[in-house]
Each structure stands twice: as structure tokens, then as C-alpha cells.
Amino acid sequence: MLDGDAHIIDVRDPHEYTSGHVPGAALIPVNTVFDRREELPKDGTIIFVCGVGQRSALACEMAAAAGFQADVLYNLEGGTEAWIKAGEPVEN
């Protein structure tokens, strides 16, 4: 499970998000991350998640380019697929 100060940002498309996502994850599609950078949390860690980890890696790079410190940005390796395979909960 996740630490209490972690903010989960799902960067998939809305239809993917509604089919099942990490509980409490906010939806900010990858193609809008840089434009919506003001919506990213300013405190705690940010964990980006997508389907398998590629788009979320790009989101980490976008957040770093927007001025976020690299030590608070994380990519959920394996994405939502790995989360589900690990038996972690999802919500729709």
C-alpha cells in the first residue's frame, strides 16, 4: 500500500481511468500534465501511474521540466497492470 503523503496521478485517458484505477488517484492525462502543472500537489511525493509505465515515465519528465524536484517524482513501474497483478485494490 501507499504512504499517506503520496499523491497518485493517473495519466491514462479518461476511459482507461474509469475502467479501474488506484484508489484515490487523480486523473490528469499525460498530454495535459505540463499544461496542468499548477494542479500537481506541492507537498509530499507524486506517483504517476499509467497502464504499464511508459506514459507515467513521460509525466515524471514533464513534471521535472515544470520545476518539480526529481526526488519527489515517481513512476509506478509496471503501471496499473502490475498494481492489479500484485493484488492491490482498484476503484472504478
N, C-alpha and C. Protein backbone atom coordinates (compact mmCIF):
# COMPACT_ATOMS: atom_id res chain seq x y z
N MET A 1 0.84 -1.19 0.00
CA MET A 1 0.00 0.00 0.00
C MET A 1 0.88 1.24 0.00
N LEU A 2 0.22 2.38 -0.14
CA LEU A 2 0.94 3.63 -0.31
C LEU A 2 1.03 4.43 0.98
N ASP A 3 2.08 5.18 1.06
CA ASP A 3 2.35 6.09 2.17
C ASP A 3 1.31 7.22 2.17
N GLY A 4 0.97 7.73 3.32
CA GLY A 4 -0.05 8.77 3.45
C GLY A 4 0.28 10.09 2.78
N ASP A 5 1.56 10.40 2.58
CA ASP A 5 1.90 11.68 1.95
C ASP A 5 2.13 11.54 0.45
N ALA A 6 1.77 10.42 -0.13
CA ALA A 6 1.93 10.21 -1.56
C ALA A 6 0.66 10.62 -2.29
N HIS A 7 0.84 11.32 -3.39
CA HIS A 7 -0.26 11.73 -4.25
C HIS A 7 -0.16 10.92 -5.53
N ILE A 8 -1.25 10.26 -5.90
CA ILE A 8 -1.26 9.41 -7.08
C ILE A 8 -1.92 10.18 -8.22
N ILE A 9 -1.22 10.26 -9.34
CA ILE A 9 -1.76 10.92 -10.53
C ILE A 9 -1.80 9.88 -11.64
N ASP A 10 -3.00 9.57 -12.09
CA ASP A 10 -3.21 8.63 -13.19
C ASP A 10 -3.16 9.43 -14.48
N VAL A 11 -2.25 9.07 -15.39
CA VAL A 11 -2.06 9.84 -16.61
C VAL A 11 -2.65 9.15 -17.85
N ARG A 12 -3.50 8.16 -17.62
CA ARG A 12 -4.15 7.47 -18.74
C ARG A 12 -5.31 8.32 -19.27
N ASP A 13 -5.92 7.84 -20.33
CA ASP A 13 -7.10 8.51 -20.89
C ASP A 13 -8.29 8.27 -19.97
N PRO A 14 -9.29 9.16 -20.01
CA PRO A 14 -10.44 9.01 -19.12
C PRO A 14 -11.12 7.64 -19.18
N HIS A 15 -11.27 7.06 -20.37
CA HIS A 15 -11.95 5.75 -20.45
C HIS A 15 -11.13 4.66 -19.77
N GLU A 16 -9.80 4.77 -19.78
CA GLU A 16 -8.96 3.80 -19.08
C GLU A 16 -9.12 3.97 -17.57
N TYR A 17 -9.13 5.22 -17.13
CA TYR A 17 -9.26 5.55 -15.71
C TYR A 17 -10.57 4.99 -15.14
N THR A 18 -11.66 5.18 -15.87
CA THR A 18 -12.96 4.73 -15.35
C THR A 18 -13.10 3.21 -15.36
N SER A 19 -12.22 2.53 -16.11
CA SER A 19 -12.29 1.07 -16.12
C SER A 19 -11.60 0.45 -14.91
N GLY A 20 -10.92 1.26 -14.11
CA GLY A 20 -10.27 0.80 -12.89
C GLY A 20 -8.96 1.51 -12.66
N HIS A 21 -8.82 2.11 -11.46
CA HIS A 21 -7.62 2.87 -11.15
C HIS A 21 -7.21 2.69 -9.69
N VAL A 22 -6.00 3.09 -9.37
CA VAL A 22 -5.50 3.06 -8.00
C VAL A 22 -6.43 3.92 -7.14
N PRO A 23 -6.88 3.43 -6.01
CA PRO A 23 -7.79 4.22 -5.16
C PRO A 23 -7.20 5.59 -4.81
N GLY A 24 -8.02 6.60 -4.97
CA GLY A 24 -7.62 7.96 -4.64
C GLY A 24 -6.82 8.68 -5.71
N ALA A 25 -6.57 8.01 -6.83
CA ALA A 25 -5.78 8.63 -7.90
C ALA A 25 -6.57 9.73 -8.59
N ALA A 26 -5.89 10.84 -8.84
CA ALA A 26 -6.47 11.94 -9.61
C ALA A 26 -6.15 11.69 -11.08
N LEU A 27 -7.04 12.09 -11.96
CA LEU A 27 -6.85 11.90 -13.39
C LEU A 27 -6.31 13.18 -14.02
N ILE A 28 -5.11 13.09 -14.58
CA ILE A 28 -4.54 14.16 -15.40
C ILE A 28 -3.87 13.46 -16.58
N PRO A 29 -4.57 13.34 -17.72
CA PRO A 29 -4.00 12.63 -18.86
C PRO A 29 -2.62 13.17 -19.24
N VAL A 30 -1.75 12.27 -19.68
CA VAL A 30 -0.35 12.61 -19.93
C VAL A 30 -0.20 13.81 -20.87
N ASN A 31 -1.06 13.92 -21.87
CA ASN A 31 -0.92 15.03 -22.81
C ASN A 31 -1.32 16.38 -22.21
N THR A 32 -1.77 16.38 -20.96
CA THR A 32 -2.14 17.65 -20.30
C THR A 32 -1.30 17.93 -19.06
N VAL A 33 -0.37 17.05 -18.70
CA VAL A 33 0.39 17.20 -17.45
C VAL A 33 1.12 18.53 -17.38
N PHE A 34 1.85 18.88 -18.42
CA PHE A 34 2.62 20.14 -18.36
C PHE A 34 1.68 21.34 -18.29
N ASP A 35 0.63 21.35 -19.10
CA ASP A 35 -0.31 22.47 -19.08
C ASP A 35 -1.06 22.58 -17.76
N ARG A 36 -1.25 21.45 -17.07
CA ARG A 36 -1.99 21.45 -15.80
C ARG A 36 -1.05 21.34 -14.60
N ARG A 37 0.21 21.70 -14.77
CA ARG A 37 1.22 21.57 -13.71
C ARG A 37 0.84 22.27 -12.42
N GLU A 38 0.03 23.33 -12.50
CA GLU A 38 -0.40 24.03 -11.29
C GLU A 38 -1.33 23.17 -10.43
N GLU A 39 -1.92 22.15 -11.03
CA GLU A 39 -2.80 21.24 -10.29
C GLU A 39 -2.04 20.14 -9.57
N LEU A 40 -0.76 19.98 -9.88
CA LEU A 40 0.03 18.94 -9.21
C LEU A 40 0.28 19.35 -7.78
N PRO A 41 0.25 18.41 -6.84
CA PRO A 41 0.45 18.72 -5.42
C PRO A 41 1.84 19.31 -5.17
N LYS A 42 1.88 20.29 -4.29
CA LYS A 42 3.15 20.96 -3.96
C LYS A 42 3.87 20.32 -2.78
N ASP A 43 3.20 19.40 -2.08
CA ASP A 43 3.80 18.76 -0.91
C ASP A 43 3.75 17.25 -1.06
N GLY A 44 4.68 16.57 -0.44
CA GLY A 44 4.70 15.11 -0.49
C GLY A 44 5.24 14.60 -1.82
N THR A 45 5.17 13.31 -1.99
CA THR A 45 5.65 12.68 -3.22
C THR A 45 4.52 12.58 -4.23
N ILE A 46 4.90 12.53 -5.49
CA ILE A 46 3.93 12.37 -6.57
C ILE A 46 4.28 11.07 -7.29
N ILE A 47 3.31 10.20 -7.36
CA ILE A 47 3.50 8.93 -8.07
C ILE A 47 2.60 8.95 -9.29
N PHE A 48 3.23 8.92 -10.46
CA PHE A 48 2.49 8.88 -11.71
C PHE A 48 2.26 7.43 -12.09
N VAL A 49 1.06 7.15 -12.60
CA VAL A 49 0.72 5.78 -12.99
C VAL A 49 -0.04 5.82 -14.32
N CYS A 50 0.26 4.82 -15.16
CA CYS A 50 -0.47 4.66 -16.42
C CYS A 50 -0.79 3.17 -16.55
N GLY A 51 -0.86 2.68 -17.77
CA GLY A 51 -1.18 1.27 -17.97
C GLY A 51 -0.03 0.35 -17.63
N VAL A 52 1.16 0.64 -18.19
CA VAL A 52 2.32 -0.23 -17.98
C VAL A 52 3.58 0.52 -17.55
N GLY A 53 3.55 1.83 -17.50
CA GLY A 53 4.70 2.60 -17.02
C GLY A 53 5.37 3.52 -18.00
N GLN A 54 4.97 3.50 -19.26
CA GLN A 54 5.63 4.35 -20.26
C GLN A 54 5.13 5.79 -20.21
N ARG A 55 3.83 5.98 -20.22
CA ARG A 55 3.29 7.35 -20.17
C ARG A 55 3.58 8.01 -18.84
N SER A 56 3.58 7.23 -17.77
CA SER A 56 3.87 7.82 -16.46
C SER A 56 5.34 8.23 -16.36
N ALA A 57 6.23 7.54 -17.04
CA ALA A 57 7.64 7.96 -17.08
C ALA A 57 7.75 9.31 -17.78
N LEU A 58 7.01 9.48 -18.86
CA LEU A 58 6.98 10.76 -19.56
C LEU A 58 6.41 11.85 -18.67
N ALA A 59 5.38 11.53 -17.90
CA ALA A 59 4.78 12.51 -16.98
C ALA A 59 5.79 12.96 -15.93
N CYS A 60 6.62 12.03 -15.44
CA CYS A 60 7.68 12.40 -14.49
C CYS A 60 8.62 13.42 -15.12
N GLU A 61 9.00 13.18 -16.37
CA GLU A 61 9.88 14.11 -17.06
C GLU A 61 9.22 15.48 -17.24
N MET A 62 7.94 15.49 -17.55
CA MET A 62 7.22 16.76 -17.71
C MET A 62 7.16 17.53 -16.39
N ALA A 63 6.90 16.82 -15.31
CA ALA A 63 6.84 17.47 -14.00
C ALA A 63 8.21 18.02 -13.61
N ALA A 64 9.25 17.28 -13.91
CA ALA A 64 10.61 17.77 -13.63
C ALA A 64 10.89 19.02 -14.46
N ALA A 65 10.48 19.02 -15.71
CA ALA A 65 10.66 20.19 -16.58
C ALA A 65 9.87 21.39 -16.07
N ALA A 66 8.77 21.12 -15.37
CA ALA A 66 7.94 22.18 -14.81
C ALA A 66 8.49 22.70 -13.48
N GLY A 67 9.61 22.12 -13.01
CA GLY A 67 10.24 22.63 -11.80
C GLY A 67 10.09 21.77 -10.56
N PHE A 68 9.44 20.65 -10.67
CA PHE A 68 9.31 19.76 -9.51
C PHE A 68 10.64 19.03 -9.28
N GLN A 69 11.01 18.85 -8.03
CA GLN A 69 12.25 18.18 -7.69
C GLN A 69 12.14 16.69 -8.03
N ALA A 70 13.18 16.18 -8.65
CA ALA A 70 13.18 14.78 -9.09
C ALA A 70 13.02 13.80 -7.94
N ASP A 71 13.46 14.18 -6.74
CA ASP A 71 13.38 13.24 -5.62
C ASP A 71 11.98 13.06 -5.05
N VAL A 72 11.00 13.79 -5.57
CA VAL A 72 9.61 13.59 -5.13
C VAL A 72 8.73 13.01 -6.23
N LEU A 73 9.34 12.74 -7.40
CA LEU A 73 8.59 12.23 -8.54
C LEU A 73 8.89 10.75 -8.75
N TYR A 74 7.84 9.97 -8.86
CA TYR A 74 8.00 8.53 -9.03
C TYR A 74 7.09 8.02 -10.14
N ASN A 75 7.55 6.99 -10.80
CA ASN A 75 6.80 6.30 -11.83
C ASN A 75 6.46 4.92 -11.28
N LEU A 76 5.19 4.58 -11.24
CA LEU A 76 4.79 3.26 -10.76
C LEU A 76 5.18 2.23 -11.81
N GLU A 77 6.26 1.53 -11.56
CA GLU A 77 6.79 0.56 -12.51
C GLU A 77 5.76 -0.53 -12.78
N GLY A 78 5.51 -0.77 -14.05
CA GLY A 78 4.53 -1.79 -14.44
C GLY A 78 3.12 -1.25 -14.49
N GLY A 79 2.91 -0.05 -14.00
CA GLY A 79 1.62 0.63 -14.08
C GLY A 79 0.47 -0.08 -13.40
N THR A 80 -0.71 0.25 -13.87
CA THR A 80 -1.94 -0.31 -13.30
C THR A 80 -1.99 -1.82 -13.47
N GLU A 81 -1.44 -2.32 -14.57
CA GLU A 81 -1.42 -3.77 -14.77
C GLU A 81 -0.67 -4.47 -13.65
N ALA A 82 0.51 -3.96 -13.29
CA ALA A 82 1.30 -4.56 -12.21
C ALA A 82 0.60 -4.40 -10.87
N TRP A 83 -0.05 -3.26 -10.66
CA TRP A 83 -0.80 -2.98 -9.43
C TRP A 83 -1.86 -4.06 -9.22
N ILE A 84 -2.62 -4.32 -10.28
CA ILE A 84 -3.69 -5.31 -10.20
C ILE A 84 -3.12 -6.72 -10.01
N LYS A 85 -2.07 -7.06 -10.76
CA LYS A 85 -1.45 -8.37 -10.63
C LYS A 85 -0.90 -8.61 -9.23
N ALA A 86 -0.50 -7.53 -8.54
CA ALA A 86 0.01 -7.64 -7.17
C ALA A 86 -1.11 -7.82 -6.16
N GLY A 87 -2.36 -7.76 -6.64
CA GLY A 87 -3.49 -7.96 -5.75
C GLY A 87 -3.92 -6.70 -5.01
N GLU A 88 -3.42 -5.55 -5.45
CA GLU A 88 -3.79 -4.28 -4.81
C GLU A 88 -5.19 -3.87 -5.26
N PRO A 89 -5.88 -3.08 -4.44
CA PRO A 89 -7.26 -2.70 -4.76
C PRO A 89 -7.34 -1.68 -5.91
N VAL A 90 -8.45 -1.71 -6.60
CA VAL A 90 -8.75 -0.70 -7.62
C VAL A 90 -10.16 -0.18 -7.37
N GLU A 91 -10.40 1.02 -7.88
CA GLU A 91 -11.76 1.55 -7.81
C GLU A 91 -12.14 2.03 -9.21
N ASN A 92 -13.45 2.06 -9.45
CA ASN A 92 -13.97 2.48 -10.76
C ASN A 92 -14.64 3.83 -10.62
